[in-house]
Protein backbone atom coordinates (compact mmCIF):
# COMPACT_ATOMS: atom_id res chain seq x y z
CA MET A 1 -6.41 35.16 19.65
CA THR A 2 -6.50 33.28 16.79
CA VAL A 3 -9.48 31.38 14.95
CA VAL A 4 -8.51 28.86 12.24
CA HIS A 5 -11.14 28.54 10.06
CA TRP A 6 -11.20 25.15 7.99
CA ALA A 7 -12.77 27.31 4.50
CA ASP A 8 -10.46 30.26 4.71
CA ILE A 9 -6.91 28.03 5.22
CA THR A 10 -5.08 26.24 2.34
CA PRO A 11 -2.89 23.11 4.37
CA GLU A 12 0.98 23.86 4.26
CA ILE A 13 1.90 20.78 1.81
CA ILE A 14 4.59 18.86 4.16
CA ALA A 15 5.32 15.30 1.66
CA PRO A 16 4.05 14.26 -1.26
CA GLY A 17 0.23 12.60 0.29
CA ARG A 18 0.91 14.90 3.42
CA THR A 19 -0.28 18.07 4.45
CA ARG A 20 -0.36 19.98 8.25
CA TYR A 21 -2.14 23.40 9.20
CA LEU A 22 -1.86 24.88 12.90
CA ALA A 23 -2.66 27.26 15.36
CA HIS A 24 -0.78 28.60 18.37
CA THR A 25 0.25 31.00 21.42
CA ASP A 26 3.56 31.79 22.77
CA ASP A 27 3.94 28.47 24.41
CA LEU A 28 1.70 25.91 23.09
CA MET A 29 0.85 25.00 19.38
CA VAL A 30 -1.62 22.16 17.79
CA VAL A 31 -0.80 21.06 14.62
CA VAL A 32 -3.54 18.60 12.84
CA ILE A 33 -1.45 16.58 9.92
CA ASP A 34 -3.38 14.53 7.68
CA PHE A 35 -1.64 11.72 5.25
CA GLU A 36 -3.25 10.52 2.34
CA ASP A 37 -0.23 8.29 1.49
CA GLY A 38 -0.45 5.02 3.43
CA PRO A 39 -0.74 2.16 4.32
CA HIS A 40 3.50 2.01 4.66
CA ALA A 41 5.49 -1.58 4.48
CA GLU A 42 7.86 0.10 6.96
CA PRO A 43 8.26 2.90 9.63
CA ASP A 44 9.04 6.59 8.59
CA PRO A 45 13.19 7.43 9.50
CA PRO A 46 12.23 8.20 13.71
CA HIS A 47 13.15 12.02 14.55
CA ASP A 48 13.52 14.14 18.07
CA HIS A 49 13.37 17.51 19.11
CA PRO A 50 13.48 19.08 22.71
CA HIS A 51 9.71 19.79 22.22
CA GLN A 52 6.70 18.02 24.79
CA GLN A 53 4.29 16.40 22.04
CA ILE A 54 0.98 14.30 22.73
CA THR A 55 -0.75 13.31 19.63
CA TYR A 56 -4.81 12.48 18.74
CA VAL A 57 -5.07 10.14 16.28
CA ALA A 58 -8.32 11.61 14.94
CA GLU A 59 -8.39 9.07 11.87
CA GLY A 60 -6.68 5.84 10.57
CA GLN A 61 -4.69 3.36 12.06
CA LEU A 62 -0.90 3.01 12.79
CA LEU A 63 2.41 1.98 14.54
CA PHE A 64 3.85 5.27 16.57
CA PHE A 65 7.08 4.36 17.44
CA VAL A 66 9.03 5.74 20.54
CA ASP A 67 12.64 5.13 21.46
CA GLY A 68 11.71 1.69 19.12
CA GLU A 69 9.05 0.75 21.08
CA PRO A 70 5.54 0.07 18.77
CA HIS A 71 2.46 1.38 20.09
CA ALA A 72 -0.48 0.58 17.93
CA LEU A 73 -3.07 3.38 17.80
CA GLY A 74 -6.42 4.05 16.23
CA PRO A 75 -9.18 6.71 16.47
CA GLY A 76 -9.84 8.25 19.99
CA ASP A 77 -5.91 7.61 21.03
CA LEU A 78 -4.17 9.57 22.55
CA ILE A 79 0.54 9.37 22.61
CA THR A 80 2.97 11.62 24.96
CA VAL A 81 6.50 11.94 23.81
CA PRO A 82 9.15 13.42 26.13
CA GLY A 83 11.14 15.87 25.09
CA GLY A 84 14.35 14.63 23.28
CA VAL A 85 12.60 10.80 22.20
CA PRO A 86 13.30 9.48 18.85
CA HIS A 87 9.85 8.91 17.80
CA THR A 88 8.08 8.21 14.27
CA ILE A 89 4.64 6.45 12.59
CA GLN A 90 3.94 3.58 10.54
CA LEU A 91 1.08 4.05 9.09
CA ARG A 92 -1.36 0.66 8.73
CA SER A 93 -3.84 2.88 6.74
CA ARG A 94 -4.51 4.51 3.76
CA ARG A 95 -5.00 7.43 5.45
CA ALA A 96 -4.61 9.10 9.09
CA ARG A 97 -5.61 12.59 10.61
CA LEU A 98 -2.95 13.01 13.79
CA VAL A 99 -3.30 16.08 16.20
CA ASP A 100 -0.08 16.86 17.67
CA THR A 101 0.03 19.22 20.66
CA PHE A 102 3.94 21.06 21.41
CA THR A 103 5.08 22.96 23.98
CA PRO A 104 6.96 25.11 23.52
CA VAL A 105 5.97 26.26 19.86
CA ARG A 106 7.51 24.69 17.29
CA ALA A 107 9.22 27.85 15.51
CA GLU A 108 10.02 25.95 12.58
CA PHE A 109 6.60 25.49 11.28
CA LEU A 110 5.64 28.68 11.35
CA ARG A 111 5.82 30.03 7.66
CA SER A 112 7.44 32.27 6.79
CA GLY A 113 6.21 36.10 5.32
């Protein structure tokens, strides 16, 4: 069992204005990503991975593109992304918080050491 207390962590900086922190089991991962760098005129470059993904929008407004199709999302919305499907976001607000769930665990997100 793992408990992650916000007061005890330092989120990882993944890009200017973007941080993340996470928790995981052997088969499931939850990643909280904070964006402070919006809004954007264009979407981020698309990416894909073999992991299944569900994203919950905790804060902010964005377009979430799945296989090129845009979906307007805001607080409380959820979207699913099958493994291997290209996807990306375009921030429409200055700030956003996304909660991503992945299975299997994205090993490349785990800090070494």
